[in-house]
Amino acid sequence: MFKKVPIIILFLIALSSCSKKQEEIIYQPLEKTSPYELYKEGLAAFERNDFFFANKKFSEAELNFEQAEFAAKSAIMSIFSLYGLNFYEEANENLDRYFKTYPADKNIIYAHFLQAVIYFEQISDEKKDLKPLLQANKKIDFFLKNFPDTEYAIDLKFKKDLIQNQIAAKELFVAKYYISIKKWVPAIQRLKIIVKKYDKTVFIEEALHRLVEIHYHLGLENEAKKYANILGYNYNSSEWFEQSYKILNKNYEFTNNKVIKKDDSWYKKIIKKIK
């Protein structure tokens, strides 16, 4: 029995030695890939619209670049790849990280513009969630305040007008719901928001008419006439003025009885400048 002990010990030592040699072989670190090669692979994938692979390679390049400028460039291209996949949430999360990590990067304007567009493209119709509308409106206001003279400001001004209309549409939709269940006070509050904040939208005329309608129904004729006068002064040829006039003048007789498509032209223009 005692003769077997040294043999067992020798066997364990040999086994341990072999195991260490195997570990050295298995866990031997791989040769570091050039970040320039990773970026080049990402760009090639991006140009053939393989955004999954492009995002992977740009992310790897960012981690391997020692120069902040090139790391930031890789980061923004990775984000554009996520945008190309319509991965809005992931793109937004990476944009927030980008803003914190590379606040002085030369592509920061493009990044802010992209985030505004991402919020804008998540807008659905006025019957659904108001959050993307408000986020887009806030981000566009930020961009127009900080980068008013850029070529992208013109596009965002147009988008802001559309957003204003959709917010007003949402307010009107909610107001009409309250009217349908005879909740007059919240209905009036919603309509007044349109009159005060969104008077440049196409929904101002109907909002004024509904205020005439509700106040007249409640017996508040002076208030009804006030809103009718505003409607008549500004929109006296509209159908809503005729409707309001008919409410206040019973003998009056009538004589005459929009998914946002992605525009990628700006997108291609930015990519040319970054890559």
Protein backbone atom coordinates (compact mmCIF):
# COMPACT_ATOMS: atom_id res chain seq x y z
CA MET A 1 0.00 0.00 0.00
CA PHE A 2 2.77 2.42 0.95
CA LYS A 3 4.51 1.73 -2.37
CA LYS A 4 1.46 3.03 -4.21
CA VAL A 5 1.52 6.47 -2.49
CA PRO A 6 4.59 7.88 -4.33
CA ILE A 7 3.18 6.62 -7.60
CA ILE A 8 -0.15 8.40 -6.95
CA ILE A 9 1.66 11.61 -5.98
CA LEU A 10 3.80 11.48 -9.12
CA PHE A 11 0.68 10.89 -11.22
CA LEU A 12 -1.07 13.93 -9.66
CA ILE A 13 1.97 16.11 -10.25
CA ALA A 14 2.18 15.02 -13.87
CA LEU A 15 -1.53 15.63 -14.34
CA SER A 16 -1.23 19.06 -12.80
CA SER A 17 1.67 19.88 -15.09
CA CYS A 18 -0.29 18.78 -18.18
CA SER A 19 -3.29 20.82 -17.03
CA LYS A 20 -1.15 23.94 -16.71
CA LYS A 21 0.29 23.42 -20.18
CA GLN A 22 -3.23 23.04 -21.57
CA GLU A 23 -4.37 26.21 -19.80
CA GLU A 24 -1.42 28.08 -21.28
CA ILE A 25 -2.44 26.92 -24.74
CA ILE A 26 -6.21 27.45 -24.30
CA TYR A 27 -6.07 30.87 -22.62
CA GLN A 28 -3.18 32.30 -24.59
CA PRO A 29 -4.26 35.88 -25.44
CA LEU A 30 -5.06 36.54 -29.07
CA GLU A 31 -3.11 39.09 -31.04
CA LYS A 32 -4.77 42.52 -30.74
CA THR A 33 -6.74 43.51 -33.84
CA SER A 34 -5.98 46.89 -35.34
CA PRO A 35 -8.81 49.36 -34.59
CA TYR A 36 -8.31 50.82 -38.05
CA GLU A 37 -9.05 47.42 -39.57
CA LEU A 38 -12.12 47.05 -37.36
CA TYR A 39 -13.37 50.47 -38.45
CA LYS A 40 -12.67 49.62 -42.09
CA GLU A 41 -14.69 46.39 -41.76
CA GLY A 42 -17.52 48.30 -40.09
CA LEU A 43 -17.57 50.91 -42.84
CA ALA A 44 -17.64 48.29 -45.58
CA ALA A 45 -20.56 46.55 -43.85
CA PHE A 46 -22.35 49.86 -43.37
CA GLU A 47 -22.07 50.73 -47.05
CA ARG A 48 -23.69 47.43 -48.03
CA ASN A 49 -26.46 48.04 -45.43
CA ASP A 50 -25.32 45.21 -43.16
CA PHE A 51 -26.02 47.31 -40.09
CA PHE A 52 -25.80 44.46 -37.56
CA PHE A 53 -22.21 43.64 -38.51
CA ALA A 54 -21.35 47.32 -38.92
CA ASN A 55 -22.55 48.11 -35.39
CA LYS A 56 -20.49 45.22 -34.00
CA LYS A 57 -17.30 46.33 -35.75
CA PHE A 58 -17.69 50.03 -34.95
CA SER A 59 -18.28 49.14 -31.28
CA GLU A 60 -15.12 47.02 -31.25
CA ALA A 61 -13.16 49.79 -32.94
CA GLU A 62 -14.30 52.31 -30.33
CA LEU A 63 -13.03 50.07 -27.53
CA ASN A 64 -9.67 49.57 -29.23
CA PHE A 65 -8.90 53.12 -30.33
CA GLU A 66 -6.63 54.99 -27.94
CA GLN A 67 -7.26 58.36 -29.60
CA ALA A 68 -10.51 59.95 -28.37
CA GLU A 69 -11.24 61.46 -31.79
CA PHE A 70 -11.29 58.07 -33.54
CA ALA A 71 -13.13 56.38 -30.68
CA ALA A 72 -15.84 59.06 -30.87
CA LYS A 73 -16.07 58.64 -34.63
CA SER A 74 -16.54 54.90 -34.20
CA ALA A 75 -19.18 55.50 -31.54
CA ILE A 76 -21.28 57.80 -33.72
CA MET A 77 -21.05 55.38 -36.67
CA SER A 78 -22.17 52.56 -34.38
CA ILE A 79 -25.18 54.69 -33.40
CA PHE A 80 -26.01 55.42 -37.03
CA SER A 81 -25.93 51.67 -37.63
CA LEU A 82 -28.48 51.16 -34.85
CA TYR A 83 -30.61 53.89 -36.39
CA GLY A 84 -30.37 52.12 -39.75
CA LEU A 85 -31.87 49.06 -38.03
CA ASN A 86 -34.64 51.20 -36.47
CA PHE A 87 -33.28 50.23 -33.05
CA TYR A 88 -34.39 53.60 -31.66
CA GLU A 89 -34.15 52.79 -27.97
CA GLU A 90 -30.64 51.35 -28.24
CA ALA A 91 -29.53 54.25 -30.45
CA ASN A 92 -30.86 56.76 -27.93
CA GLU A 93 -29.12 55.04 -25.02
CA ASN A 94 -25.84 55.11 -26.94
CA LEU A 95 -26.36 58.75 -27.88
CA ASP A 96 -26.74 59.68 -24.20
CA ARG A 97 -23.50 57.82 -23.47
CA TYR A 98 -21.81 59.51 -26.43
CA PHE A 99 -22.79 62.99 -25.18
CA LYS A 100 -21.27 62.24 -21.77
CA THR A 101 -18.12 60.53 -23.08
CA TYR A 102 -17.27 62.82 -26.02
CA PRO A 103 -18.75 66.25 -25.24
CA ALA A 104 -16.19 68.05 -27.40
CA ASP A 105 -16.38 65.79 -30.43
CA LYS A 106 -16.64 67.55 -33.78
CA ASN A 107 -19.64 65.39 -34.77
CA ILE A 108 -21.72 66.44 -31.76
CA ILE A 109 -24.12 68.53 -33.89
CA TYR A 110 -24.94 65.54 -36.08
CA ALA A 111 -25.53 63.46 -32.95
CA HIS A 112 -28.00 65.97 -31.51
CA PHE A 113 -29.77 66.17 -34.86
CA LEU A 114 -29.99 62.38 -35.03
CA GLN A 115 -31.55 62.20 -31.58
CA ALA A 116 -34.17 64.79 -32.57
CA VAL A 117 -34.98 62.75 -35.68
CA ILE A 118 -35.22 59.53 -33.66
CA TYR A 119 -37.78 61.08 -31.32
CA PHE A 120 -39.66 62.50 -34.29
CA GLU A 121 -39.81 59.18 -36.13
CA GLN A 122 -41.34 57.49 -33.09
CA ILE A 123 -44.38 59.76 -33.23
CA SER A 124 -47.53 57.84 -34.10
CA ASP A 125 -51.01 59.37 -34.24
CA GLU A 126 -52.67 61.74 -31.81
CA LYS A 127 -54.71 58.98 -30.18
CA LYS A 128 -51.62 57.24 -28.81
CA ASP A 129 -48.76 58.07 -26.47
CA LEU A 130 -47.95 61.78 -26.16
CA LYS A 131 -44.44 61.15 -24.77
CA PRO A 132 -42.55 60.90 -28.11
CA LEU A 133 -44.23 64.13 -29.26
CA LEU A 134 -43.07 66.00 -26.17
CA GLN A 135 -39.57 64.47 -26.33
CA ALA A 136 -39.22 65.41 -29.99
CA ASN A 137 -40.51 68.93 -29.34
CA LYS A 138 -38.07 69.42 -26.45
CA LYS A 139 -35.08 68.07 -28.38
CA ILE A 140 -35.87 70.18 -31.44
CA ASP A 141 -36.15 73.28 -29.24
CA PHE A 142 -32.72 72.42 -27.78
CA PHE A 143 -31.20 72.06 -31.25
CA LEU A 144 -32.72 75.26 -32.61
CA LYS A 145 -31.51 77.17 -29.57
CA ASN A 146 -27.93 75.85 -29.67
CA PHE A 147 -27.37 75.34 -33.40
CA PRO A 148 -29.75 77.80 -35.12
CA ASP A 149 -27.55 78.55 -38.13
CA THR A 150 -26.87 74.98 -39.24
CA GLU A 151 -28.37 73.46 -42.36
CA TYR A 152 -30.23 70.93 -40.19
CA ALA A 153 -32.10 73.65 -38.31
CA ILE A 154 -34.29 74.28 -41.39
CA ASP A 155 -35.41 70.66 -41.46
CA LEU A 156 -36.13 70.67 -37.73
CA LYS A 157 -38.19 73.86 -37.97
CA PHE A 158 -40.43 72.07 -40.46
CA LYS A 159 -40.64 69.04 -38.17
CA LYS A 160 -41.49 71.31 -35.23
CA ASP A 161 -44.51 72.68 -37.12
CA LEU A 162 -45.72 69.13 -37.70
CA ILE A 163 -45.19 68.32 -34.02
CA GLN A 164 -47.15 71.38 -32.93
CA ASN A 165 -50.04 70.23 -35.10
CA GLN A 166 -49.93 66.73 -33.66
CA ILE A 167 -49.81 67.94 -30.06
CA ALA A 168 -52.80 70.18 -30.79
CA ALA A 169 -54.56 67.22 -32.41
CA LYS A 170 -53.93 65.19 -29.27
CA GLU A 171 -55.34 67.92 -27.05
CA LEU A 172 -58.41 68.24 -29.28
CA PHE A 173 -58.94 64.48 -29.30
CA VAL A 174 -58.91 64.41 -25.50
CA ALA A 175 -61.19 67.48 -25.29
CA LYS A 176 -63.74 65.84 -27.60
CA TYR A 177 -63.66 62.71 -25.46
CA TYR A 178 -64.50 64.82 -22.39
CA ILE A 179 -67.29 66.50 -24.35
CA SER A 180 -68.72 63.09 -25.26
CA ILE A 181 -69.00 62.15 -21.57
CA LYS A 182 -70.14 65.67 -20.59
CA LYS A 183 -67.03 66.54 -18.55
CA TRP A 184 -67.16 70.22 -19.42
CA VAL A 185 -64.40 71.62 -17.19
CA PRO A 186 -61.55 69.35 -18.37
CA ALA A 187 -62.81 69.76 -21.96
CA ILE A 188 -62.58 73.56 -21.65
CA GLN A 189 -59.09 73.28 -20.12
CA ARG A 190 -57.82 71.19 -23.04
CA LEU A 191 -59.34 73.54 -25.61
CA LYS A 192 -57.81 76.57 -23.91
CA ILE A 193 -54.37 74.94 -24.17
CA ILE A 194 -54.79 74.85 -27.95
CA VAL A 195 -55.88 78.50 -28.01
CA LYS A 196 -52.93 79.63 -25.87
CA LYS A 197 -50.09 77.41 -27.10
CA TYR A 198 -51.03 76.08 -30.52
CA ASP A 199 -52.88 78.95 -32.17
CA LYS A 200 -50.74 78.61 -35.31
CA THR A 201 -51.99 75.07 -35.97
CA VAL A 202 -54.88 73.95 -38.15
CA PHE A 203 -56.83 72.91 -35.04
CA ILE A 204 -57.31 76.40 -33.61
CA GLU A 205 -60.55 76.99 -35.53
CA GLU A 206 -62.29 73.87 -34.25
CA ALA A 207 -60.99 74.51 -30.73
CA LEU A 208 -62.56 77.98 -30.71
CA HIS A 209 -65.82 76.60 -32.08
CA ARG A 210 -65.96 73.92 -29.37
CA LEU A 211 -65.47 76.63 -26.73
CA VAL A 212 -68.42 78.52 -28.23
CA GLU A 213 -70.47 75.34 -28.25
CA ILE A 214 -69.71 74.33 -24.63
CA HIS A 215 -70.19 77.79 -23.12
CA TYR A 216 -73.46 78.28 -24.95
CA HIS A 217 -74.65 74.87 -23.76
CA LEU A 218 -73.79 75.85 -20.17
CA GLY A 219 -75.72 79.12 -20.51
CA LEU A 220 -72.58 81.28 -20.53
CA GLU A 221 -73.52 83.28 -23.62
CA ASN A 222 -71.05 86.12 -23.04
CA GLU A 223 -68.17 83.65 -22.95
CA ALA A 224 -69.57 81.92 -26.02
CA LYS A 225 -69.75 85.25 -27.88
CA LYS A 226 -66.19 86.10 -26.84
CA TYR A 227 -64.78 83.00 -28.51
CA ALA A 228 -67.12 83.43 -31.48
CA ASN A 229 -65.77 86.97 -31.98
CA ILE A 230 -62.19 85.67 -31.93
CA LEU A 231 -63.14 82.99 -34.43
CA GLY A 232 -65.00 85.46 -36.65
CA TYR A 233 -62.22 88.07 -36.57
CA ASN A 234 -59.49 85.61 -37.57
CA TYR A 235 -61.31 82.91 -39.52
CA ASN A 236 -64.60 84.38 -40.75
CA SER A 237 -64.61 82.27 -43.91
CA SER A 238 -64.15 78.93 -42.16
CA GLU A 239 -66.80 76.26 -41.71
CA TRP A 240 -66.23 76.40 -37.95
CA PHE A 241 -67.21 80.07 -37.86
CA GLU A 242 -70.41 79.21 -39.71
CA GLN A 243 -71.14 76.50 -37.15
CA SER A 244 -70.57 78.92 -34.27
CA TYR A 245 -72.63 81.64 -35.95
CA LYS A 246 -75.48 79.20 -36.33
CA ILE A 247 -75.40 78.39 -32.59
CA LEU A 248 -75.67 82.07 -31.64
CA ASN A 249 -78.09 83.01 -34.46
CA LYS A 250 -80.75 80.35 -34.80
CA ASN A 251 -82.26 81.82 -37.97
CA TYR A 252 -78.98 81.80 -39.87
CA GLU A 253 -79.02 79.72 -43.07
CA PHE A 254 -76.01 78.42 -44.94
CA THR A 255 -75.65 79.42 -48.56
CA ASN A 256 -73.22 76.62 -49.36
CA ASN A 257 -74.07 73.69 -47.83
CA LYS A 258 -51.90 62.49 -42.42
CA VAL A 259 -47.17 57.54 -40.74
CA ILE A 260 -44.24 59.91 -41.25
CA LYS A 261 -42.08 58.68 -43.98
CA LYS A 262 -38.42 58.56 -43.25
CA ASP A 263 -36.45 60.98 -45.39
CA ASP A 264 -32.89 59.69 -45.49
CA SER A 265 -31.35 62.45 -47.62
CA TRP A 266 -30.02 64.22 -44.50
CA TYR A 267 -28.81 60.86 -43.21
CA LYS A 268 -26.70 60.14 -46.29
CA LYS A 269 -25.34 63.66 -46.24
CA ILE A 270 -24.15 63.33 -42.63
CA ILE A 271 -22.56 59.92 -43.18
CA LYS A 272 -20.48 61.31 -46.07
CA LYS A 273 -19.10 63.98 -43.74
CA ILE A 274 -18.36 61.64 -40.83
CA LYS A 275 -16.88 58.61 -42.54
